Structures are given as C-alpha cells and as structure tokens.
C-alpha atoms as a PDB file:
ATOM      1  CA  MET A   1     118.430  97.825 109.996  1.00  0.00           C
ATOM      2  CA  ASP A   2     117.587  97.621 106.386  1.00  0.00           C
ATOM      3  CA  PHE A   3     114.482  99.626 105.714  1.00  0.00           C
ATOM      4  CA  LYS A   4     115.230 100.654 102.048  1.00  0.00           C
ATOM      5  CA  ASP A   5     112.503  98.266 100.513  1.00  0.00           C
ATOM      6  CA  GLU A   6     109.893  99.084 103.156  1.00  0.00           C
ATOM      7  CA  ILE A   7     106.797 101.254 101.984  1.00  0.00           C
ATOM      8  CA  ALA A   8     105.879 104.377 103.797  1.00  0.00           C
ATOM      9  CA  ILE A   9     103.545 106.008 101.383  1.00  0.00           C
ATOM     10  CA  SER A  10     101.599 104.358  98.569  1.00  0.00           C
ATOM     11  CA  MET A  11      98.877 105.655  96.140  1.00  0.00           C
ATOM     12  CA  LYS A  12      96.974 103.923  93.632  1.00  0.00           C
ATOM     13  CA  ASP A  13      94.847 105.745  91.059  1.00  0.00           C
ATOM     14  CA  LEU A  14      94.507 108.949  93.276  1.00  0.00           C
ATOM     15  CA  ARG A  15      92.183 111.379  91.880  1.00  0.00           C
ATOM     16  CA  MET A  16      90.629 114.678  93.123  1.00  0.00           C
ATOM     17  CA  SER A  17      88.126 117.113  91.759  1.00  0.00           C
ATOM     18  CA  TYR A  18      87.112 120.612  92.751  1.00  0.00           C
ATOM     19  CA  ALA A  19      83.484 121.125  91.060  1.00  0.00           C
ATOM     20  CA  THR A  20      84.292 120.277  87.342  1.00  0.00           C
ATOM     21  CA  LYS A  21      88.035 120.673  87.579  1.00  0.00           C
ATOM     22  CA  GLU A  22      89.956 117.631  88.049  1.00  0.00           C
ATOM     23  CA  VAL A  23      93.174 118.374  90.075  1.00  0.00           C
ATOM     24  CA  LEU A  24      94.798 114.750  90.560  1.00  0.00           C
ATOM     25  CA  LYS A  25      94.482 112.833  87.603  1.00  0.00           C
ATOM     26  CA  GLY A  26      95.125 109.287  88.788  1.00  0.00           C
ATOM     27  CA  LEU A  27      98.444 109.288  90.868  1.00  0.00           C
ATOM     28  CA  ASP A  28     100.227 106.060  91.112  1.00  0.00           C
ATOM     29  CA  LEU A  29     103.067 106.152  93.712  1.00  0.00           C
ATOM     30  CA  GLU A  30     105.266 104.443  96.065  1.00  0.00           C
ATOM     31  CA  VAL A  31     107.508 106.086  98.480  1.00  0.00           C
ATOM     32  CA  TYR A  32     110.047 104.051 100.768  1.00  0.00           C
ATOM     33  CA  LYS A  33     111.455 104.635 104.194  1.00  0.00           C
ATOM     34  CA  GLY A  34     114.548 106.682 104.276  1.00  0.00           C
ATOM     35  CA  GLN A  35     113.935 108.654 101.226  1.00  0.00           C
ATOM     36  CA  ILE A  36     113.776 112.542 100.870  1.00  0.00           C
ATOM     37  CA  ILE A  37     111.274 113.180  98.149  1.00  0.00           C
ATOM     38  CA  GLY A  38     111.561 116.584  96.367  1.00  0.00           C
ATOM     39  CA  TYR A  39     107.976 117.152  95.495  1.00  0.00           C
ATOM     40  CA  ILE A  40     107.832 119.916  92.952  1.00  0.00           C
ATOM     41  CA  GLY A  41     105.571 121.360  90.238  1.00  0.00           C
ATOM     42  CA  PRO A  42     104.086 124.813  89.145  1.00  0.00           C
ATOM     43  CA  ASN A  43     101.215 126.524  91.173  1.00  0.00           C
ATOM     44  CA  GLY A  44      98.164 124.706  90.617  1.00  0.00           C
ATOM     45  CA  ALA A  45      99.704 121.509  89.762  1.00  0.00           C
ATOM     46  CA  GLY A  46      98.098 119.447  92.745  1.00  0.00           C
ATOM     47  CA  LYS A  47     101.001 119.290  95.160  1.00  0.00           C
ATOM     48  CA  SER A  48      99.256 120.863  98.039  1.00  0.00           C
ATOM     49  CA  THR A  49      95.984 118.830  97.475  1.00  0.00           C
ATOM     50  CA  THR A  50      98.214 115.621  97.492  1.00  0.00           C
ATOM     51  CA  VAL A  51      99.724 116.641 100.855  1.00  0.00           C
ATOM     52  CA  LYS A  52      96.626 117.487 102.376  1.00  0.00           C
ATOM     53  CA  ILE A  53      94.878 114.232 101.388  1.00  0.00           C
ATOM     54  CA  MET A  54      97.827 112.267 102.900  1.00  0.00           C
ATOM     55  CA  LEU A  55      97.428 114.355 106.095  1.00  0.00           C
ATOM     56  CA  GLY A  56      93.510 113.442 106.251  1.00  0.00           C
ATOM     57  CA  LEU A  57      92.615 116.927 105.876  1.00  0.00           C
ATOM     58  CA  LEU A  58      90.798 116.750 102.511  1.00  0.00           C
ATOM     59  CA  GLU A  59      88.305 114.039 101.784  1.00  0.00           C
ATOM     60  CA  GLY A  60      86.230 113.430  98.645  1.00  0.00           C
ATOM     61  CA  TYR A  61      89.094 111.797  96.681  1.00  0.00           C
ATOM     62  CA  THR A  62      88.840 108.393  94.761  1.00  0.00           C
ATOM     63  CA  GLY A  63      91.537 105.821  94.661  1.00  0.00           C
ATOM     64  CA  GLU A  64      93.618 104.508  97.431  1.00  0.00           C
ATOM     65  CA  VAL A  65      96.063 106.026  99.904  1.00  0.00           C
ATOM     66  CA  LYS A  66      98.196 104.081 102.427  1.00  0.00           C
ATOM     67  CA  ILE A  67     100.278 105.594 105.147  1.00  0.00           C
ATOM     68  CA  LEU A  68     102.749 103.147 106.808  1.00  0.00           C
ATOM     69  CA  GLY A  69     100.534 100.304 105.556  1.00  0.00           C
ATOM     70  CA  GLN A  70      97.210 101.887 106.726  1.00  0.00           C
ATOM     71  CA  ASP A  71      94.548 102.800 104.386  1.00  0.00           C
ATOM     72  CA  ILE A  72      93.604 106.388 105.691  1.00  0.00           C
ATOM     73  CA  ARG A  73      90.083 106.216 104.746  1.00  0.00           C
ATOM     74  CA  ASN A  74      89.522 103.412 107.265  1.00  0.00           C
ATOM     75  CA  ALA A  75      92.319 104.470 109.436  1.00  0.00           C
ATOM     76  CA  SER A  76      91.836 105.889 113.049  1.00  0.00           C
ATOM     77  CA  VAL A  77      93.792 109.047 113.882  1.00  0.00           C
ATOM     78  CA  GLU A  78      96.589 106.914 115.375  1.00  0.00           C
ATOM     79  CA  TYR A  79      98.557 107.095 112.066  1.00  0.00           C
ATOM     80  CA  LYS A  80      98.560 110.923 112.479  1.00  0.00           C
ATOM     81  CA  ARG A  81     100.789 110.442 115.291  1.00  0.00           C
ATOM     82  CA  LYS A  82     103.428 109.172 113.218  1.00  0.00           C
ATOM     83  CA  ILE A  83     103.438 112.246 110.945  1.00  0.00           C
ATOM     84  CA  GLY A  84     104.969 115.808 111.281  1.00  0.00           C
ATOM     85  CA  TYR A  85     104.095 118.583 109.143  1.00  0.00           C
ATOM     86  CA  VAL A  86     105.344 122.267 108.492  1.00  0.00           C
ATOM     87  CA  PRO A  87     103.047 124.126 106.125  1.00  0.00           C
ATOM     88  CA  GLU A  88     103.949 126.759 104.218  1.00  0.00           C
ATOM     89  CA  THR A  89     101.922 129.324 106.055  1.00  0.00           C
ATOM     90  CA  ALA A  90     101.051 128.290 109.493  1.00  0.00           C
ATOM     91  CA  GLU A  91      98.811 129.725 111.990  1.00  0.00           C
ATOM     92  CA  ILE A  92     100.995 129.843 115.060  1.00  0.00           C
ATOM     93  CA  TYR A  93      99.784 131.108 118.579  1.00  0.00           C
ATOM     94  CA  ASP A  94     101.483 134.220 118.705  1.00  0.00           C
ATOM     95  CA  ASN A  95     100.061 135.138 122.284  1.00  0.00           C
ATOM     96  CA  LEU A  96     101.901 132.013 123.606  1.00  0.00           C
ATOM     97  CA  THR A  97     105.179 131.615 124.592  1.00  0.00           C
ATOM     98  CA  ALA A  98     107.489 129.171 122.866  1.00  0.00           C
ATOM     99  CA  ARG A  99     107.612 127.044 125.852  1.00  0.00           C
ATOM    100  CA  GLU A 100     103.406 127.109 126.036  1.00  0.00           C
ATOM    101  CA  TYR A 101     103.248 126.383 122.428  1.00  0.00           C
ATOM    102  CA  LEU A 102     105.909 123.457 122.177  1.00  0.00           C
ATOM    103  CA  THR A 103     104.521 121.820 125.256  1.00  0.00           C
ATOM    104  CA  PHE A 104     100.852 122.134 124.014  1.00  0.00           C
ATOM    105  CA  ILE A 105     101.773 120.471 120.497  1.00  0.00           C
ATOM    106  CA  GLY A 106     103.898 117.881 122.183  1.00  0.00           C
ATOM    107  CA  GLU A 107     101.007 117.011 124.762  1.00  0.00           C
ATOM    108  CA  LEU A 108      98.593 116.668 121.778  1.00  0.00           C
ATOM    109  CA  TYR A 109     100.727 114.026 120.397  1.00  0.00           C
ATOM    110  CA  GLY A 110     100.625 112.113 123.452  1.00  0.00           C
ATOM    111  CA  LEU A 111     103.951 113.140 125.169  1.00  0.00           C
ATOM    112  CA  SER A 112     104.116 114.202 128.816  1.00  0.00           C
ATOM    113  CA  TYR A 113     104.796 117.806 129.800  1.00  0.00           C
ATOM    114  CA  GLU A 114     108.057 117.042 131.438  1.00  0.00           C
ATOM    115  CA  GLU A 115     109.178 114.975 128.340  1.00  0.00           C
ATOM    116  CA  VAL A 116     108.167 117.516 125.688  1.00  0.00           C
ATOM    117  CA  ASP A 117     109.657 120.533 127.930  1.00  0.00           C
ATOM    118  CA  SER A 118     112.823 118.815 128.192  1.00  0.00           C
ATOM    119  CA  LYS A 119     113.137 117.981 124.471  1.00  0.00           C
ATOM    120  CA  ALA A 120     111.952 121.294 123.323  1.00  0.00           C
ATOM    121  CA  ILE A 121     114.553 123.466 125.274  1.00  0.00           C
ATOM    122  CA  LYS A 122     117.273 121.256 123.787  1.00  0.00           C
ATOM    123  CA  LEU A 123     115.939 121.624 120.300  1.00  0.00           C
ATOM    124  CA  MET A 124     115.736 125.369 120.932  1.00  0.00           C
ATOM    125  CA  LYS A 125     119.519 125.272 121.772  1.00  0.00           C
ATOM    126  CA  VAL A 126     120.336 123.598 118.633  1.00  0.00           C
ATOM    127  CA  PHE A 127     118.913 126.525 116.704  1.00  0.00           C
ATOM    128  CA  SER A 128     120.595 129.019 119.287  1.00  0.00           C
ATOM    129  CA  ILE A 129     117.234 130.472 120.377  1.00  0.00           C
ATOM    130  CA  GLU A 130     116.939 128.963 123.774  1.00  0.00           C
ATOM    131  CA  GLU A 131     116.996 132.495 125.538  1.00  0.00           C
ATOM    132  CA  VAL A 132     113.329 133.368 123.937  1.00  0.00           C
ATOM    133  CA  TYR A 133     111.880 129.828 125.066  1.00  0.00           C
ATOM    134  CA  ASP A 134     109.807 132.079 127.828  1.00  0.00           C
ATOM    135  CA  SER A 135     109.185 134.851 125.376  1.00  0.00           C
ATOM    136  CA  ARG A 136     105.848 135.389 123.324  1.00  0.00           C
ATOM    137  CA  ILE A 137     106.165 134.113 119.876  1.00  0.00           C
ATOM    138  CA  SER A 138     104.400 137.707 118.714  1.00  0.00           C
ATOM    139  CA  SER A 139     107.825 139.121 119.362  1.00  0.00           C
ATOM    140  CA  PHE A 140     109.849 136.718 117.209  1.00  0.00           C
ATOM    141  CA  SER A 141     111.241 137.242 113.570  1.00  0.00           C
ATOM    142  CA  LYS A 142     109.984 135.211 110.657  1.00  0.00           C
ATOM    143  CA  GLY A 143     113.097 133.112 111.051  1.00  0.00           C
ATOM    144  CA  MET A 144     112.592 132.212 114.778  1.00  0.00           C
ATOM    145  CA  LYS A 145     108.931 131.624 114.212  1.00  0.00           C
ATOM    146  CA  GLN A 146     109.990 128.948 111.380  1.00  0.00           C
ATOM    147  CA  LYS A 147     112.590 127.341 113.839  1.00  0.00           C
ATOM    148  CA  VAL A 148     109.630 126.925 116.365  1.00  0.00           C
ATOM    149  CA  LEU A 149     107.538 125.563 113.680  1.00  0.00           C
ATOM    150  CA  ILE A 150     110.206 122.843 112.573  1.00  0.00           C
ATOM    151  CA  ILE A 151     110.835 121.877 116.301  1.00  0.00           C
ATOM    152  CA  SER A 152     107.310 121.368 116.844  1.00  0.00           C
ATOM    153  CA  SER A 153     106.955 118.965 113.840  1.00  0.00           C
ATOM    154  CA  LEU A 154     109.601 116.751 115.197  1.00  0.00           C
ATOM    155  CA  LEU A 155     108.871 116.714 119.123  1.00  0.00           C
ATOM    156  CA  HIS A 156     107.036 113.342 118.812  1.00  0.00           C
ATOM    157  CA  ASN A 157     109.617 111.515 116.694  1.00  0.00           C
ATOM    158  CA  PRO A 158     107.416 111.091 113.662  1.00  0.00           C
ATOM    159  CA  ASP A 159     108.130 108.340 110.984  1.00  0.00           C
ATOM    160  CA  ILE A 160     107.069 110.858 108.061  1.00  0.00           C
ATOM    161  CA  LEU A 161     107.707 114.369 107.692  1.00  0.00           C
ATOM    162  CA  PHE A 162     105.949 116.777 105.191  1.00  0.00           C
ATOM    163  CA  LEU A 163     107.530 120.031 104.768  1.00  0.00           C
ATOM    164  CA  ASP A 164     106.297 122.839 102.476  1.00  0.00           C
ATOM    165  CA  GLU A 165     108.820 125.547 101.960  1.00  0.00           C
ATOM    166  CA  PRO A 166     110.576 124.735 105.284  1.00  0.00           C
ATOM    167  CA  LEU A 167     113.661 127.086 104.914  1.00  0.00           C
ATOM    168  CA  SER A 168     111.638 130.141 104.581  1.00  0.00           C
ATOM    169  CA  GLY A 169     113.005 133.001 106.477  1.00  0.00           C
ATOM    170  CA  LEU A 170     115.964 130.924 107.903  1.00  0.00           C
ATOM    171  CA  ASP A 171     119.466 132.544 108.048  1.00  0.00           C
ATOM    172  CA  ALA A 172     122.289 130.497 106.130  1.00  0.00           C
ATOM    173  CA  ASN A 173     123.618 128.783 109.045  1.00  0.00           C
ATOM    174  CA  SER A 174     120.238 127.462 110.204  1.00  0.00           C
ATOM    175  CA  VAL A 175     119.624 126.364 106.423  1.00  0.00           C
ATOM    176  CA  MET A 176     122.841 124.241 106.751  1.00  0.00           C
ATOM    177  CA  ILE A 177     121.619 122.784 109.968  1.00  0.00           C
ATOM    178  CA  VAL A 178     118.176 121.838 108.741  1.00  0.00           C
ATOM    179  CA  LYS A 179     119.626 120.147 105.584  1.00  0.00           C
ATOM    180  CA  GLU A 180     121.896 118.145 107.782  1.00  0.00           C
ATOM    181  CA  ILE A 181     119.237 117.244 110.174  1.00  0.00           C
ATOM    182  CA  LEU A 182     116.985 116.008 107.178  1.00  0.00           C
ATOM    183  CA  ALA A 183     119.971 113.852 105.917  1.00  0.00           C
ATOM    184  CA  GLN A 184     120.303 112.106 109.461  1.00  0.00           C
ATOM    185  CA  LEU A 185     116.471 111.704 109.870  1.00  0.00           C
ATOM    186  CA  ALA A 186     116.494 109.974 106.429  1.00  0.00           C
ATOM    187  CA  ALA A 187     119.600 107.874 107.407  1.00  0.00           C
ATOM    188  CA  GLN A 188     117.587 106.668 110.435  1.00  0.00           C
ATOM    189  CA  GLY A 189     114.708 105.528 108.274  1.00  0.00           C
ATOM    190  CA  LYS A 190     112.271 108.559 108.246  1.00  0.00           C
ATOM    191  CA  THR A 191     110.615 109.477 105.172  1.00  0.00           C
ATOM    192  CA  ILE A 192     111.058 113.140 104.206  1.00  0.00           C
ATOM    193  CA  PHE A 193     108.170 114.775 101.691  1.00  0.00           C
ATOM    194  CA  TYR A 194     109.694 118.120 100.778  1.00  0.00           C
ATOM    195  CA  SER A 195     107.892 120.655  98.710  1.00  0.00           C
ATOM    196  CA  SER A 196     109.606 123.653  97.660  1.00  0.00           C
ATOM    197  CA  HIS A 197     110.138 126.214  94.528  1.00  0.00           C
ATOM    198  CA  ILE A 198     113.714 126.637  95.428  1.00  0.00           C
ATOM    199  CA  MET A 199     115.042 124.328  92.879  1.00  0.00           C
ATOM    200  CA  ASP A 200     118.671 124.511  93.829  1.00  0.00           C
ATOM    201  CA  VAL A 201     117.664 123.288  97.365  1.00  0.00           C
ATOM    202  CA  VAL A 202     115.550 120.400  96.171  1.00  0.00           C
ATOM    203  CA  GLU A 203     118.296 119.353  93.878  1.00  0.00           C
ATOM    204  CA  LYS A 204     120.862 119.089  96.576  1.00  0.00           C
ATOM    205  CA  ILE A 205     118.933 117.561  99.562  1.00  0.00           C
ATOM    206  CA  SER A 206     116.426 115.013  97.680  1.00  0.00           C
ATOM    207  CA  SER A 207     117.369 111.504  97.021  1.00  0.00           C
ATOM    208  CA  ARG A 208     114.269 111.280  94.691  1.00  0.00           C
ATOM    209  CA  ILE A 209     112.349 114.005  92.760  1.00  0.00           C
ATOM    210  CA  ILE A 210     108.881 113.800  91.692  1.00  0.00           C
ATOM    211  CA  LEU A 211     107.613 116.492  89.317  1.00  0.00           C
ATOM    212  CA  LEU A 212     103.721 116.952  88.949  1.00  0.00           C
ATOM    213  CA  ASN A 213     102.281 118.817  86.237  1.00  0.00           C
ATOM    214  CA  GLY A 214      98.626 119.300  85.454  1.00  0.00           C
ATOM    215  CA  GLY A 215      97.686 116.874  88.302  1.00  0.00           C
ATOM    216  CA  GLU A 216      99.830 114.057  86.693  1.00  0.00           C
ATOM    217  CA  ILE A 217     103.479 112.810  87.521  1.00  0.00           C
ATOM    218  CA  VAL A 218     105.739 113.944  84.650  1.00  0.00           C
ATOM    219  CA  ALA A 219     108.837 112.812  86.155  1.00  0.00           C
ATOM    220  CA  ASP A 220     110.191 110.593  88.735  1.00  0.00           C
ATOM    221  CA  GLY A 221     113.640 109.745  89.759  1.00  0.00           C
ATOM    222  CA  SER A 222     116.992 111.055  91.220  1.00  0.00           C
ATOM    223  CA  PHE A 223     118.422 114.323  90.119  1.00  0.00           C
ATOM    224  CA  GLU A 224     121.018 112.348  87.933  1.00  0.00           C
ATOM    225  CA  ASP A 225     117.950 110.439  86.223  1.00  0.00           C
ATOM    226  CA  LEU A 226     116.086 113.338  85.460  1.00  0.00           C
ATOM    227  CA  LYS A 227     119.085 115.233  84.277  1.00  0.00           C
ATOM    228  CA  HIS A 228     119.859 111.979  81.948  1.00  0.00           C
ATOM    229  CA  LYS A 229     116.471 112.042  80.613  1.00  0.00           C
ATOM    230  CA  SER A 230     116.021 115.768  79.923  1.00  0.00           C
ATOM    231  CA  LYS A 231     119.508 116.451  78.597  1.00  0.00           C
ATOM    232  CA  GLU A 232     119.310 119.625  80.826  1.00  0.00           C
ATOM    233  CA  GLY A 233     121.871 120.932  83.367  1.00  0.00           C
ATOM    234  CA  SER A 234     120.047 122.161  86.519  1.00  0.00           C
ATOM    235  CA  LEU A 235     116.839 121.058  88.174  1.00  0.00           C
ATOM    236  CA  GLU A 236     115.325 124.618  87.318  1.00  0.00           C
ATOM    237  CA  GLU A 237     116.288 123.749  83.684  1.00  0.00           C
ATOM    238  CA  ILE A 238     114.596 120.445  83.824  1.00  0.00           C
ATOM    239  CA  PHE A 239     111.558 121.822  85.574  1.00  0.00           C
ATOM    240  CA  ASN A 240     111.048 124.429  82.679  1.00  0.00           C
ATOM    241  CA  ASP A 241     111.770 121.812  79.947  1.00  0.00           C
ATOM    242  CA  LEU A 242     109.175 119.233  81.499  1.00  0.00           C
ATOM    243  CA  THR A 243     106.593 121.778  82.317  1.00  0.00           C
ATOM    244  CA  GLY A 244     106.785 123.739  78.926  1.00  0.00           C
ATOM    245  CA  PHE A 245     107.652 126.928  80.730  1.00  0.00           C
ATOM    246  CA  ASN A 246     110.064 128.754  78.579  1.00  0.00           C
ATOM    247  CA  GLN A 247     108.912 132.557  78.820  1.00  0.00           C
ATOM    248  CA  HIS A 248     110.917 133.541  81.871  1.00  0.00           C
ATOM    249  CA  LYS A 249     113.615 135.502  80.165  1.00  0.00           C
ATOM    250  CA  ALA A 250     111.065 137.323  77.831  1.00  0.00           C
ATOM    251  CA  LEU A 251     108.747 138.088  80.837  1.00  0.00           C
ATOM    252  CA  ALA A 252     111.836 139.352  82.945  1.00  0.00           C
ATOM    253  CA  GLU A 253     113.028 141.744  80.101  1.00  0.00           C
ATOM    254  CA  GLU A 254     109.269 142.989  79.649  1.00  0.00           C
ATOM    255  CA  PHE A 255     109.242 143.598  83.537  1.00  0.00           C
ATOM    256  CA  ALA A 256     112.556 145.444  83.618  1.00  0.00           C
ATOM    257  CA  ALA A 257     111.590 147.487  80.735  1.00  0.00           C
ATOM    258  CA  VAL A 258     108.464 148.679  82.314  1.00  0.00           C
ATOM    259  CA  VAL A 259     110.303 149.471  85.463  1.00  0.00           C
ATOM    260  CA  GLN A 260     112.527 151.786  83.312  1.00  0.00           C
ATOM    261  CA  GLY A 261     109.937 153.323  81.651  1.00  0.00           C
ATOM    262  CA  VAL A 262     110.826 152.026  78.266  1.00  0.00           C
ATOM    263  CA  LEU A 263     107.449 150.202  77.861  1.00  0.00           C
END
C-alpha cells in the first residue's frame, strides 16, 4: 500500500501564547504517513507546547491543527485512540504490577482484558522483562519502567506515535531494539514524532528533521538536506549553527576550571 502522500498531521498558522509571551509563532507544517520526524530545538523553543496541542492537552491556541484529517478543535476524543505517547517524565502507577498497569491502559483504549493481557506479555518478552510481569512497578529500574511505558504506548496499535526522550534509561541492546521497532512501524505507515536532545540518535533514525527555534521552524528536511544547506558535519553542529549557540567549548572550559579550583 502506498501511503507516502497521505497527510497524518497538518498545522496552519499555529500560534500559542502564555500571557504576553508568544511561544509558537505561526507554524505551517505537513507530516506524512510513514515518516519518522526528528523534532528538535533548544529548551523553550516550543516543542512540548506543539506536542501537547496535538495531543489535545492544551487549548487556547489559534490556527488549525488536523490529525488524520480531523480538526482537533472540533473532533471527538476518538482521534486520540489512534495516538500513542511516551512523555519525557511520566507519572506511572508504581503501586500496580506491570500486568495491572498495562491491562488498565489497554482497556482505556477499548481493548478487551484478554486481548491486551496476551499482547502485553508478548511485548514484555521482546524486552526480556516478562519475569516481572506480575511484580510491582515500584521495584523496577528506570530502564524497566521506560520499557513498560513504550509498551503501553503501542498496545492499541496507534497510527501516530509521539515520543519524548524515549530511550532514557535503556541499555544498549534495548536501544537497538527500539530503533528497529520504529523503523518497522514507519515501514507499515505509522507516523513517528520523535523529540530528543540526543542528536546522534535523531540523526540516525529520522527520515525528516524539523528544527524549532524561538517558536519558529528554522530548518526542515532530511539530515543530508540540512547538512548540505548548513555546510556542517553532524546534526549537533547543524543545531548549534542554526540556533546560534557557539559557547559550549568556552562554558565547558570555565566549568572545568572551577572544578579544578583555577577560577
């Protein structure tokens, strides 16, 4: 099935302000099915605000946002059943077991207990944590909790997946598995919206990179496109070039000097 020209997300003149501060300054964007979008930018650029608007968690914006063809301002909650989300810092119910938590999440999305229970244990096995399926999440390491969050975001087979620092706390093998999972999902026509500060990961997994700075899109294209336009080598160097941040070496030297007692 050819889905490359089907629009999954569209924004027209998206603006958002908090009091007198304009956080988003008229974003125009079309994202297609099967794309892995690396959504990057410095802190305060407006990344989280954009994602929260698309998830229906923030109101008060102006402009138009459509998810899978539906204007989310007028849409019912049904469109949210087609979305998966892994937030950077998640409130996970630590007093529940993984089985209790995952079946609860699955049932919220309309799956039957039997269906979600069967699916959840199989996904736990992929991450080699099936032995703790009936253990309380409070006993889990950070990486194990992250795996449970990733599983919970995919139980209902969403069409769009929003990921905010999804690899946080994962071991090297799990990172490779997640990267491959994202590639497989994109090949099936899923849209992945991936936000991270780890530039080398974004560089490797993204089919398209969108750089937000000061509430505006300052770059949009494949890594090769951005590299060609910026004349820089790595995504980190491109990021620093386009956001005007060139103080990292001087600041690091100052920090090291203070640690050594030189300053």
